[in-house]
Amino acid sequence: MRRRRAGFTLVEVMLALVILSVVVLGVGAATARFLQVVTTSERSSAALQLVNDRLEIVRLHPDYSTLDSTFAGEEAGFPSLPDLRRVTQVVRFGGTGQATDFKRVTVTVSGPGLLAPVARTVTVAAP
């Protein structure tokens, strides 16, 4: 007659370790993906804020005739986002009369960490 011993066999311990390893790796992978999504989302929000800040300044600019010279161009080296680049384009369309004189201002922010460049456009009419 055999006596039954208390404890786990080597096969049971190995199987438990394999299951535990799969669970830990799965949680690690999910956490890494979550952090990547959060980082990308934060960068996109920051880029959108850079776009909206520029458009708000353009809207509040008092001199319509100097929109081109004041805002058109490229900026980089923002203190908290040094690798992002903001490009502002000002295109005049329509005639020179008050009823048909418009400027279309497009602001685009691009850089690493963004899934795609963030761009917004606003149309400003002559006063």
N, C-alpha and C. Protein backbone atom coordinates (compact mmCIF):
# COMPACT_ATOMS: atom_id res chain seq x y z
N MET A 1 0.84 -1.17 0.00
CA MET A 1 0.00 0.00 0.00
C MET A 1 0.89 1.25 0.00
N ARG A 2 0.62 2.17 -0.93
CA ARG A 2 1.39 3.40 -1.05
C ARG A 2 0.80 4.49 -0.19
N ARG A 3 1.71 5.24 0.39
CA ARG A 3 1.26 6.40 1.16
C ARG A 3 1.15 7.61 0.24
N ARG A 4 0.14 8.34 0.39
CA ARG A 4 -0.05 9.54 -0.41
C ARG A 4 0.75 10.68 0.23
N ARG A 5 1.54 11.38 -0.57
CA ARG A 5 2.35 12.47 -0.06
C ARG A 5 1.62 13.80 -0.30
N ALA A 6 1.81 14.72 0.64
CA ALA A 6 1.21 16.06 0.51
C ALA A 6 2.12 16.91 -0.38
N GLY A 7 1.55 17.87 -1.13
CA GLY A 7 2.34 18.77 -1.96
C GLY A 7 2.01 18.63 -3.43
N PHE A 8 2.77 19.33 -4.25
CA PHE A 8 2.53 19.34 -5.68
C PHE A 8 3.63 18.56 -6.40
N THR A 9 3.29 18.01 -7.51
CA THR A 9 4.29 17.33 -8.32
C THR A 9 5.01 18.36 -9.17
N LEU A 10 6.13 17.98 -9.73
CA LEU A 10 6.91 18.87 -10.58
C LEU A 10 6.10 19.31 -11.80
N VAL A 11 5.32 18.44 -12.37
CA VAL A 11 4.49 18.76 -13.54
C VAL A 11 3.46 19.83 -13.17
N GLU A 12 2.85 19.71 -12.01
CA GLU A 12 1.85 20.70 -11.58
C GLU A 12 2.50 22.08 -11.37
N VAL A 13 3.67 22.10 -10.78
CA VAL A 13 4.37 23.37 -10.55
C VAL A 13 4.75 24.01 -11.88
N MET A 14 5.27 23.22 -12.81
CA MET A 14 5.64 23.75 -14.12
C MET A 14 4.43 24.31 -14.87
N LEU A 15 3.33 23.59 -14.82
CA LEU A 15 2.11 24.04 -15.48
C LEU A 15 1.62 25.35 -14.87
N ALA A 16 1.68 25.47 -13.56
CA ALA A 16 1.27 26.71 -12.89
C ALA A 16 2.17 27.87 -13.30
N LEU A 17 3.48 27.62 -13.43
CA LEU A 17 4.41 28.67 -13.85
C LEU A 17 4.15 29.12 -15.28
N VAL A 18 3.84 28.18 -16.15
CA VAL A 18 3.52 28.54 -17.53
C VAL A 18 2.28 29.41 -17.59
N ILE A 19 1.25 29.03 -16.87
CA ILE A 19 0.00 29.81 -16.85
C ILE A 19 0.25 31.20 -16.27
N LEU A 20 1.01 31.27 -15.19
CA LEU A 20 1.32 32.55 -14.56
C LEU A 20 2.14 33.43 -15.51
N SER A 21 3.09 32.86 -16.23
CA SER A 21 3.91 33.61 -17.19
C SER A 21 3.05 34.20 -18.31
N VAL A 22 2.13 33.42 -18.83
CA VAL A 22 1.24 33.90 -19.90
C VAL A 22 0.40 35.07 -19.40
N VAL A 23 -0.11 34.97 -18.20
CA VAL A 23 -0.94 36.04 -17.64
C VAL A 23 -0.10 37.30 -17.43
N VAL A 24 1.09 37.17 -16.86
CA VAL A 24 1.94 38.32 -16.60
C VAL A 24 2.36 38.99 -17.92
N LEU A 25 2.72 38.21 -18.91
CA LEU A 25 3.08 38.78 -20.21
C LEU A 25 1.91 39.49 -20.86
N GLY A 26 0.72 38.92 -20.74
CA GLY A 26 -0.48 39.55 -21.29
C GLY A 26 -0.77 40.88 -20.62
N VAL A 27 -0.65 40.93 -19.32
CA VAL A 27 -0.89 42.18 -18.60
C VAL A 27 0.18 43.21 -18.97
N GLY A 28 1.42 42.77 -19.09
CA GLY A 28 2.50 43.68 -19.49
C GLY A 28 2.28 44.26 -20.87
N ALA A 29 1.88 43.42 -21.81
CA ALA A 29 1.63 43.89 -23.17
C ALA A 29 0.45 44.87 -23.20
N ALA A 30 -0.60 44.57 -22.46
CA ALA A 30 -1.76 45.46 -22.41
C ALA A 30 -1.38 46.79 -21.79
N THR A 31 -0.56 46.77 -20.76
CA THR A 31 -0.13 48.00 -20.11
C THR A 31 0.73 48.84 -21.06
N ALA A 32 1.63 48.20 -21.79
CA ALA A 32 2.48 48.93 -22.74
C ALA A 32 1.63 49.58 -23.83
N ARG A 33 0.65 48.86 -24.34
CA ARG A 33 -0.23 49.41 -25.38
C ARG A 33 -1.04 50.58 -24.84
N PHE A 34 -1.53 50.44 -23.61
CA PHE A 34 -2.30 51.51 -22.97
C PHE A 34 -1.45 52.77 -22.82
N LEU A 35 -0.20 52.62 -22.38
CA LEU A 35 0.69 53.76 -22.22
C LEU A 35 0.99 54.42 -23.57
N GLN A 36 1.13 53.62 -24.61
CA GLN A 36 1.37 54.16 -25.94
C GLN A 36 0.17 54.98 -26.41
N VAL A 37 -1.03 54.48 -26.19
CA VAL A 37 -2.24 55.20 -26.58
C VAL A 37 -2.36 56.50 -25.80
N VAL A 38 -2.08 56.46 -24.51
CA VAL A 38 -2.16 57.67 -23.69
C VAL A 38 -1.15 58.70 -24.15
N THR A 39 0.07 58.27 -24.44
CA THR A 39 1.10 59.20 -24.90
C THR A 39 0.72 59.83 -26.23
N THR A 40 0.24 59.03 -27.16
CA THR A 40 -0.19 59.56 -28.47
C THR A 40 -1.35 60.53 -28.30
N SER A 41 -2.27 60.20 -27.43
CA SER A 41 -3.42 61.08 -27.17
C SER A 41 -2.97 62.40 -26.57
N GLU A 42 -2.04 62.35 -25.64
CA GLU A 42 -1.53 63.59 -25.04
C GLU A 42 -0.82 64.45 -26.07
N ARG A 43 -0.04 63.84 -26.95
CA ARG A 43 0.67 64.60 -27.99
C ARG A 43 -0.33 65.22 -28.96
N SER A 44 -1.38 64.47 -29.32
CA SER A 44 -2.41 65.00 -30.22
C SER A 44 -3.13 66.18 -29.58
N SER A 45 -3.43 66.07 -28.30
CA SER A 45 -4.09 67.17 -27.59
C SER A 45 -3.20 68.40 -27.53
N ALA A 46 -1.92 68.19 -27.28
CA ALA A 46 -0.98 69.32 -27.24
C ALA A 46 -0.86 69.97 -28.61
N ALA A 47 -0.82 69.16 -29.67
CA ALA A 47 -0.74 69.70 -31.03
C ALA A 47 -2.00 70.49 -31.37
N LEU A 48 -3.16 69.97 -31.00
CA LEU A 48 -4.41 70.68 -31.24
C LEU A 48 -4.44 72.01 -30.47
N GLN A 49 -3.89 72.02 -29.28
CA GLN A 49 -3.84 73.25 -28.49
C GLN A 49 -2.94 74.29 -29.17
N LEU A 50 -1.81 73.83 -29.74
CA LEU A 50 -0.94 74.76 -30.48
C LEU A 50 -1.66 75.35 -31.69
N VAL A 51 -2.44 74.53 -32.38
CA VAL A 51 -3.21 75.01 -33.54
C VAL A 51 -4.26 76.02 -33.09
N ASN A 52 -5.03 75.66 -32.09
CA ASN A 52 -6.10 76.55 -31.62
C ASN A 52 -5.57 77.85 -31.05
N ASP A 53 -4.42 77.81 -30.35
CA ASP A 53 -3.83 79.04 -29.83
C ASP A 53 -3.49 80.00 -30.96
N ARG A 54 -2.87 79.47 -32.01
CA ARG A 54 -2.48 80.31 -33.15
C ARG A 54 -3.72 80.89 -33.84
N LEU A 55 -4.74 80.07 -34.05
CA LEU A 55 -5.95 80.56 -34.72
C LEU A 55 -6.66 81.62 -33.89
N GLU A 56 -6.64 81.47 -32.58
CA GLU A 56 -7.27 82.47 -31.73
C GLU A 56 -6.54 83.80 -31.82
N ILE A 57 -5.22 83.76 -31.87
CA ILE A 57 -4.44 84.99 -32.01
C ILE A 57 -4.72 85.64 -33.38
N VAL A 58 -4.83 84.81 -34.42
CA VAL A 58 -5.15 85.33 -35.76
C VAL A 58 -6.51 86.01 -35.74
N ARG A 59 -7.49 85.38 -35.12
CA ARG A 59 -8.85 85.96 -35.07
C ARG A 59 -8.86 87.30 -34.35
N LEU A 60 -8.01 87.43 -33.33
CA LEU A 60 -8.00 88.66 -32.53
C LEU A 60 -7.08 89.74 -33.08
N HIS A 61 -6.32 89.42 -34.11
CA HIS A 61 -5.38 90.39 -34.69
C HIS A 61 -6.15 91.57 -35.26
N PRO A 62 -5.78 92.78 -34.85
CA PRO A 62 -6.59 93.94 -35.25
C PRO A 62 -6.37 94.43 -36.68
N ASP A 63 -5.26 94.06 -37.32
CA ASP A 63 -4.95 94.62 -38.63
C ASP A 63 -5.02 93.54 -39.71
N TYR A 64 -6.12 93.52 -40.43
CA TYR A 64 -6.35 92.51 -41.48
C TYR A 64 -5.25 92.54 -42.54
N SER A 65 -4.77 93.71 -42.88
CA SER A 65 -3.79 93.83 -43.97
C SER A 65 -2.44 93.22 -43.63
N THR A 66 -2.13 93.02 -42.36
CA THR A 66 -0.82 92.46 -41.98
C THR A 66 -0.90 91.00 -41.52
N LEU A 67 -2.01 90.35 -41.75
CA LEU A 67 -2.11 88.93 -41.35
C LEU A 67 -1.00 88.09 -41.99
N ASP A 68 -0.77 88.31 -43.28
CA ASP A 68 0.25 87.53 -43.99
C ASP A 68 1.63 87.71 -43.38
N SER A 69 2.06 88.94 -43.27
CA SER A 69 3.41 89.21 -42.79
C SER A 69 3.59 88.88 -41.31
N THR A 70 2.54 88.95 -40.54
CA THR A 70 2.65 88.69 -39.12
C THR A 70 2.64 87.20 -38.79
N PHE A 71 1.82 86.43 -39.48
CA PHE A 71 1.62 85.05 -39.06
C PHE A 71 2.14 83.97 -39.99
N ALA A 72 2.25 84.23 -41.28
CA ALA A 72 2.68 83.18 -42.21
C ALA A 72 4.11 82.76 -41.90
N GLY A 73 4.31 81.45 -41.86
CA GLY A 73 5.66 80.94 -41.61
C GLY A 73 5.66 79.68 -40.78
N GLU A 74 6.85 79.33 -40.34
CA GLU A 74 7.04 78.08 -39.60
C GLU A 74 7.68 78.38 -38.24
N GLU A 75 7.22 77.64 -37.24
CA GLU A 75 7.76 77.78 -35.89
C GLU A 75 8.13 76.40 -35.38
N ALA A 76 9.14 76.35 -34.55
CA ALA A 76 9.55 75.11 -33.90
C ALA A 76 10.21 75.46 -32.58
N GLY A 77 10.50 74.44 -31.80
CA GLY A 77 11.20 74.66 -30.54
C GLY A 77 10.32 75.19 -29.43
N PHE A 78 9.09 74.72 -29.35
CA PHE A 78 8.23 75.12 -28.26
C PHE A 78 8.80 74.55 -26.95
N PRO A 79 8.77 75.31 -25.86
CA PRO A 79 9.44 74.87 -24.63
C PRO A 79 9.05 73.47 -24.15
N SER A 80 7.78 73.17 -24.12
CA SER A 80 7.36 71.85 -23.61
C SER A 80 7.24 70.80 -24.72
N LEU A 81 7.30 71.23 -25.97
CA LEU A 81 7.16 70.32 -27.11
C LEU A 81 8.21 70.66 -28.16
N PRO A 82 9.48 70.48 -27.88
CA PRO A 82 10.53 70.96 -28.78
C PRO A 82 10.58 70.28 -30.14
N ASP A 83 9.99 69.09 -30.26
CA ASP A 83 10.09 68.37 -31.53
C ASP A 83 8.87 68.58 -32.44
N LEU A 84 7.92 69.39 -32.02
CA LEU A 84 6.76 69.69 -32.87
C LEU A 84 7.05 70.94 -33.70
N ARG A 85 6.41 70.99 -34.86
CA ARG A 85 6.61 72.08 -35.82
C ARG A 85 5.24 72.62 -36.21
N ARG A 86 5.09 73.96 -36.16
CA ARG A 86 3.81 74.60 -36.51
C ARG A 86 4.01 75.47 -37.74
N VAL A 87 3.20 75.21 -38.77
CA VAL A 87 3.26 75.98 -40.01
C VAL A 87 1.93 76.72 -40.18
N THR A 88 2.04 78.02 -40.43
CA THR A 88 0.85 78.85 -40.66
C THR A 88 0.89 79.36 -42.09
N GLN A 89 -0.18 79.10 -42.84
CA GLN A 89 -0.31 79.57 -44.22
C GLN A 89 -1.47 80.55 -44.30
N VAL A 90 -1.24 81.65 -44.98
CA VAL A 90 -2.29 82.66 -45.18
C VAL A 90 -2.46 82.83 -46.69
N VAL A 91 -3.67 82.54 -47.17
CA VAL A 91 -3.95 82.65 -48.61
C VAL A 91 -5.13 83.59 -48.79
N ARG A 92 -4.91 84.60 -49.62
CA ARG A 92 -5.98 85.55 -49.92
C ARG A 92 -6.78 85.04 -51.11
N PHE A 93 -8.08 85.17 -51.02
CA PHE A 93 -8.93 84.82 -52.16
C PHE A 93 -10.09 85.79 -52.23
N GLY A 94 -10.72 85.79 -53.38
CA GLY A 94 -11.79 86.76 -53.60
C GLY A 94 -11.21 88.05 -54.15
N GLY A 95 -12.04 89.05 -54.26
CA GLY A 95 -11.60 90.33 -54.81
C GLY A 95 -11.04 91.24 -53.75
N THR A 96 -10.82 92.48 -54.14
CA THR A 96 -10.28 93.44 -53.18
C THR A 96 -11.37 94.30 -52.55
N GLY A 97 -12.60 94.09 -52.97
CA GLY A 97 -13.71 94.82 -52.36
C GLY A 97 -14.05 94.22 -51.01
N GLN A 98 -14.70 94.99 -50.17
CA GLN A 98 -15.01 94.51 -48.83
C GLN A 98 -15.89 93.27 -48.82
N ALA A 99 -16.79 93.15 -49.75
CA ALA A 99 -17.74 92.04 -49.74
C ALA A 99 -17.11 90.72 -50.18
N THR A 100 -15.99 90.79 -50.89
CA THR A 100 -15.41 89.54 -51.40
C THR A 100 -13.95 89.32 -51.02
N ASP A 101 -13.42 90.10 -50.11
CA ASP A 101 -12.01 89.99 -49.73
C ASP A 101 -11.88 89.11 -48.49
N PHE A 102 -11.26 87.93 -48.67
CA PHE A 102 -11.10 86.98 -47.57
C PHE A 102 -9.67 86.46 -47.52
N LYS A 103 -9.28 86.01 -46.35
CA LYS A 103 -8.00 85.32 -46.19
C LYS A 103 -8.28 84.01 -45.46
N ARG A 104 -7.76 82.95 -46.04
CA ARG A 104 -7.91 81.63 -45.44
C ARG A 104 -6.61 81.32 -44.70
N VAL A 105 -6.71 81.10 -43.39
CA VAL A 105 -5.54 80.83 -42.55
C VAL A 105 -5.58 79.36 -42.14
N THR A 106 -4.54 78.61 -42.51
CA THR A 106 -4.44 77.20 -42.15
C THR A 106 -3.23 77.01 -41.26
N VAL A 107 -3.45 76.40 -40.11
CA VAL A 107 -2.37 76.11 -39.17
C VAL A 107 -2.23 74.59 -39.08
N THR A 108 -1.01 74.10 -39.26
CA THR A 108 -0.73 72.66 -39.22
C THR A 108 0.41 72.41 -38.24
N VAL A 109 0.20 71.45 -37.35
CA VAL A 109 1.24 71.03 -36.41
C VAL A 109 1.59 69.58 -36.73
N SER A 110 2.88 69.31 -36.87
CA SER A 110 3.34 67.96 -37.18
C SER A 110 4.58 67.65 -36.34
N GLY A 111 4.89 66.37 -36.28
CA GLY A 111 6.08 65.96 -35.56
C GLY A 111 5.96 64.53 -35.08
N PRO A 112 7.03 64.01 -34.49
CA PRO A 112 7.01 62.63 -34.00
C PRO A 112 6.00 62.46 -32.86
N GLY A 113 5.42 61.29 -32.80
CA GLY A 113 4.45 60.99 -31.76
C GLY A 113 3.02 61.28 -32.15
N LEU A 114 2.82 61.88 -33.32
CA LEU A 114 1.46 62.15 -33.82
C LEU A 114 1.13 61.13 -34.89
N LEU A 115 -0.08 60.61 -34.86
CA LEU A 115 -0.49 59.67 -35.90
C LEU A 115 -0.57 60.35 -37.25
N ALA A 116 -1.00 61.61 -37.24
CA ALA A 116 -1.10 62.41 -38.47
C ALA A 116 -0.97 63.87 -38.06
N PRO A 117 -0.56 64.74 -38.98
CA PRO A 117 -0.50 66.17 -38.65
C PRO A 117 -1.89 66.69 -38.25
N VAL A 118 -1.89 67.65 -37.33
CA VAL A 118 -3.14 68.27 -36.88
C VAL A 118 -3.27 69.60 -37.60
N ALA A 119 -4.37 69.80 -38.30
CA ALA A 119 -4.56 71.04 -39.08
C ALA A 119 -5.97 71.57 -38.90
N ARG A 120 -6.07 72.89 -38.85
CA ARG A 120 -7.37 73.56 -38.79
C ARG A 120 -7.26 74.79 -39.68
N THR A 121 -8.41 75.19 -40.24
CA THR A 121 -8.47 76.35 -41.12
C THR A 121 -9.57 77.28 -40.66
N VAL A 122 -9.28 78.57 -40.76
CA VAL A 122 -10.28 79.59 -40.46
C VAL A 122 -10.25 80.62 -41.59
N THR A 123 -11.39 81.16 -41.92
CA THR A 123 -11.48 82.18 -42.96
C THR A 123 -11.77 83.52 -42.27
N VAL A 124 -10.97 84.51 -42.64
CA VAL A 124 -11.12 85.84 -42.05
C VAL A 124 -11.53 86.80 -43.16
N ALA A 125 -12.54 87.60 -42.89
CA ALA A 125 -13.03 88.56 -43.89
C ALA A 125 -12.44 89.93 -43.62
N ALA A 126 -12.27 90.69 -44.68
CA ALA A 126 -11.81 92.07 -44.54
C ALA A 126 -12.86 92.87 -43.78
N PRO A 127 -12.42 93.80 -42.98
CA PRO A 127 -13.40 94.62 -42.21
C PRO A 127 -14.19 95.54 -43.12
